[in-house]
């Protein structure tokens, strides 16, 4: 499965961005879809993921501000990011995970830059 992410950009603090990720194959069979972020000089970290039944998990930093959703019919997972902060800056990667703790599928990163 190939994942392609898009929607990043430059936004001022307090603004919003919507990231989308499309898959080359049906995502209905992928157990978990989500987004990781790699901030400058830091390791990749989970931002949010969503299971096949629609249950979502968020990093503490994302709770209350970000919303993840998946549309199996459109093979798309999205991340709506609101009230963005400079510390949200980073490369955002779309991921898919069928088993275990680590994703098996990674898309290319899309850059989000939040200016203060």
C-alpha atoms as a PDB file:
ATOM      1  CA  UNK A   1       0.000   0.000   0.000  1.00  0.00           C
ATOM      2  CA  UNK A   2       1.324   3.409  -0.934  1.00  0.00           C
ATOM      3  CA  UNK A   3       0.195   6.424   1.003  1.00  0.00           C
ATOM      4  CA  UNK A   4       0.326   9.985  -0.228  1.00  0.00           C
ATOM      5  CA  UNK A   5      -0.083  12.908   2.119  1.00  0.00           C
ATOM      6  CA  UNK A   6      -0.838  16.484   1.214  1.00  0.00           C
ATOM      7  CA  UNK A   7      -2.213  19.661   2.729  1.00  0.00           C
ATOM      8  CA  UNK A   8       0.771  21.017   4.626  1.00  0.00           C
ATOM      9  CA  UNK A   9       1.822  24.620   4.463  1.00  0.00           C
ATOM     10  CA  UNK A  10       2.657  27.768   6.344  1.00  0.00           C
ATOM     11  CA  UNK A  11       0.112  29.102   8.800  1.00  0.00           C
ATOM     12  CA  UNK A  12       0.122  31.603  11.623  1.00  0.00           C
ATOM     13  CA  UNK A  13      -0.336  30.504  15.197  1.00  0.00           C
ATOM     14  CA  UNK A  14      -4.013  30.063  15.960  1.00  0.00           C
ATOM     15  CA  UNK A  15      -4.814  29.074  12.407  1.00  0.00           C
ATOM     16  CA  UNK A  16      -5.986  25.779  10.938  1.00  0.00           C
ATOM     17  CA  UNK A  17      -4.793  23.253   8.400  1.00  0.00           C
ATOM     18  CA  UNK A  18      -6.315  20.103   7.037  1.00  0.00           C
ATOM     19  CA  UNK A  19      -4.042  17.233   6.092  1.00  0.00           C
ATOM     20  CA  UNK A  20      -5.261  14.465   3.842  1.00  0.00           C
ATOM     21  CA  UNK A  21      -3.813  11.121   2.907  1.00  0.00           C
ATOM     22  CA  UNK A  22      -4.903   8.893   0.076  1.00  0.00           C
ATOM     23  CA  UNK A  23      -4.006   5.249  -0.419  1.00  0.00           C
ATOM     24  CA  UNK A  24      -3.189   3.304  -3.555  1.00  0.00           C
ATOM     25  CA  UNK A  25      -5.382   0.433  -2.376  1.00  0.00           C
ATOM     26  CA  UNK A  26      -8.444  -0.007  -0.233  1.00  0.00           C
ATOM     27  CA  UNK A  27      -7.840   1.182   3.306  1.00  0.00           C
ATOM     28  CA  UNK A  28     -10.763  -0.761   4.689  1.00  0.00           C
ATOM     29  CA  UNK A  29      -8.438  -3.693   5.351  1.00  0.00           C
ATOM     30  CA  UNK A  30      -5.844  -1.590   7.183  1.00  0.00           C
ATOM     31  CA  UNK A  31      -6.422  -1.862  10.889  1.00  0.00           C
ATOM     32  CA  UNK A  32      -5.128   1.529  11.977  1.00  0.00           C
ATOM     33  CA  UNK A  33      -4.436   4.722  10.034  1.00  0.00           C
ATOM     34  CA  UNK A  34      -2.865   7.790  11.459  1.00  0.00           C
ATOM     35  CA  UNK A  35      -0.361  10.604  11.488  1.00  0.00           C
ATOM     36  CA  UNK A  36       3.110  10.924  12.923  1.00  0.00           C
ATOM     37  CA  UNK A  37       5.068  14.118  13.251  1.00  0.00           C
ATOM     38  CA  UNK A  38       8.784  14.771  13.238  1.00  0.00           C
ATOM     39  CA  UNK A  39       9.723  18.140  14.611  1.00  0.00           C
ATOM     40  CA  UNK A  40      13.159  19.608  13.849  1.00  0.00           C
ATOM     41  CA  UNK A  41      15.806  17.796  15.868  1.00  0.00           C
ATOM     42  CA  UNK A  42      13.310  15.396  17.408  1.00  0.00           C
ATOM     43  CA  UNK A  43      12.175  11.840  16.861  1.00  0.00           C
ATOM     44  CA  UNK A  44       8.976  10.974  15.116  1.00  0.00           C
ATOM     45  CA  UNK A  45       5.994  10.827  17.401  1.00  0.00           C
ATOM     46  CA  UNK A  46       2.410   9.757  17.074  1.00  0.00           C
ATOM     47  CA  UNK A  47      -0.027  12.630  16.653  1.00  0.00           C
ATOM     48  CA  UNK A  48      -3.250  10.687  16.185  1.00  0.00           C
ATOM     49  CA  UNK A  49      -4.504   7.409  14.842  1.00  0.00           C
ATOM     50  CA  UNK A  50      -7.876   5.848  14.133  1.00  0.00           C
ATOM     51  CA  UNK A  51      -8.957   2.246  14.079  1.00  0.00           C
ATOM     52  CA  UNK A  52     -11.138   0.508  11.544  1.00  0.00           C
ATOM     53  CA  UNK A  53     -14.164   0.926  13.796  1.00  0.00           C
ATOM     54  CA  UNK A  54     -13.518   4.640  14.157  1.00  0.00           C
ATOM     55  CA  UNK A  55     -11.930   4.760  17.585  1.00  0.00           C
ATOM     56  CA  UNK A  56      -9.300   7.477  17.761  1.00  0.00           C
ATOM     57  CA  UNK A  57      -6.212   8.022  19.875  1.00  0.00           C
ATOM     58  CA  UNK A  58      -4.551  11.412  20.241  1.00  0.00           C
ATOM     59  CA  UNK A  59      -1.274  12.603  21.634  1.00  0.00           C
ATOM     60  CA  UNK A  60      -1.784  14.827  24.649  1.00  0.00           C
ATOM     61  CA  UNK A  61      -0.557  17.779  22.625  1.00  0.00           C
ATOM     62  CA  UNK A  62      -3.271  17.189  20.019  1.00  0.00           C
ATOM     63  CA  UNK A  63      -6.256  16.561  22.253  1.00  0.00           C
ATOM     64  CA  UNK A  64      -8.976  19.143  21.904  1.00  0.00           C
ATOM     65  CA  UNK A  65      -7.367  20.750  18.863  1.00  0.00           C
ATOM     66  CA  UNK A  66      -6.975  18.014  16.240  1.00  0.00           C
ATOM     67  CA  UNK A  67      -9.559  15.674  14.797  1.00  0.00           C
ATOM     68  CA  UNK A  68      -8.717  12.558  12.803  1.00  0.00           C
ATOM     69  CA  UNK A  69     -11.169  10.813  10.528  1.00  0.00           C
ATOM     70  CA  UNK A  70     -11.151   8.103   7.907  1.00  0.00           C
ATOM     71  CA  UNK A  71     -13.353   7.488   4.902  1.00  0.00           C
ATOM     72  CA  UNK A  72     -12.938   3.920   3.731  1.00  0.00           C
ATOM     73  CA  UNK A  73     -15.055   4.525   0.645  1.00  0.00           C
ATOM     74  CA  UNK A  74     -12.679   7.271  -0.503  1.00  0.00           C
ATOM     75  CA  UNK A  75      -9.517   5.569   0.780  1.00  0.00           C
ATOM     76  CA  UNK A  76      -8.708   8.716   2.710  1.00  0.00           C
ATOM     77  CA  UNK A  77      -7.652   9.655   6.196  1.00  0.00           C
ATOM     78  CA  UNK A  78      -7.656  13.274   7.252  1.00  0.00           C
ATOM     79  CA  UNK A  79      -6.306  15.312  10.137  1.00  0.00           C
ATOM     80  CA  UNK A  80      -8.051  18.576  10.897  1.00  0.00           C
ATOM     81  CA  UNK A  81      -5.689  20.737  12.910  1.00  0.00           C
ATOM     82  CA  UNK A  82      -7.043  23.775  14.713  1.00  0.00           C
ATOM     83  CA  UNK A  83      -5.537  26.332  17.067  1.00  0.00           C
ATOM     84  CA  UNK A  84      -2.115  25.552  15.691  1.00  0.00           C
ATOM     85  CA  UNK A  85       0.943  26.401  17.729  1.00  0.00           C
ATOM     86  CA  UNK A  86       4.567  26.908  16.697  1.00  0.00           C
ATOM     87  CA  UNK A  87       5.409  23.610  18.419  1.00  0.00           C
ATOM     88  CA  UNK A  88       3.150  21.832  15.923  1.00  0.00           C
ATOM     89  CA  UNK A  89       5.729  22.575  13.253  1.00  0.00           C
ATOM     90  CA  UNK A  90       7.202  19.512  11.605  1.00  0.00           C
ATOM     91  CA  UNK A  91       6.960  16.901   8.907  1.00  0.00           C
ATOM     92  CA  UNK A  92       3.686  15.028   9.126  1.00  0.00           C
ATOM     93  CA  UNK A  93       3.613  11.447   7.924  1.00  0.00           C
ATOM     94  CA  UNK A  94       0.568   9.422   7.080  1.00  0.00           C
ATOM     95  CA  UNK A  95       0.841   5.858   8.362  1.00  0.00           C
ATOM     96  CA  UNK A  96      -0.927   2.536   8.270  1.00  0.00           C
ATOM     97  CA  UNK A  97      -0.586  -0.237  10.805  1.00  0.00           C
ATOM     98  CA  UNK A  98      -1.985  -3.747  10.566  1.00  0.00           C
ATOM     99  CA  UNK A  99      -0.277  -5.321  13.570  1.00  0.00           C
ATOM    100  CA  UNK A 100       2.227  -4.562  16.292  1.00  0.00           C
ATOM    101  CA  UNK A 101       3.099  -1.125  17.573  1.00  0.00           C
ATOM    102  CA  UNK A 102       5.063   0.194  14.625  1.00  0.00           C
ATOM    103  CA  UNK A 103       3.464   1.219  11.324  1.00  0.00           C
ATOM    104  CA  UNK A 104       4.034  -1.019   8.328  1.00  0.00           C
ATOM    105  CA  UNK A 105       3.133   1.693   5.818  1.00  0.00           C
ATOM    106  CA  UNK A 106       4.517   5.210   5.602  1.00  0.00           C
ATOM    107  CA  UNK A 107       3.666   8.003   3.247  1.00  0.00           C
ATOM    108  CA  UNK A 108       6.000  10.819   2.360  1.00  0.00           C
ATOM    109  CA  UNK A 109       5.991  13.704   4.788  1.00  0.00           C
ATOM    110  CA  UNK A 110       4.116  16.912   4.295  1.00  0.00           C
ATOM    111  CA  UNK A 111       5.598  19.977   5.959  1.00  0.00           C
ATOM    112  CA  UNK A 112       3.602  22.042   8.401  1.00  0.00           C
ATOM    113  CA  UNK A 113       5.114  25.310   9.562  1.00  0.00           C
ATOM    114  CA  UNK A 114       3.395  27.394  12.207  1.00  0.00           C
ATOM    115  CA  UNK A 115       4.731  30.894  12.664  1.00  0.00           C
ATOM    116  CA  UNK A 116       4.411  32.816  15.891  1.00  0.00           C
END
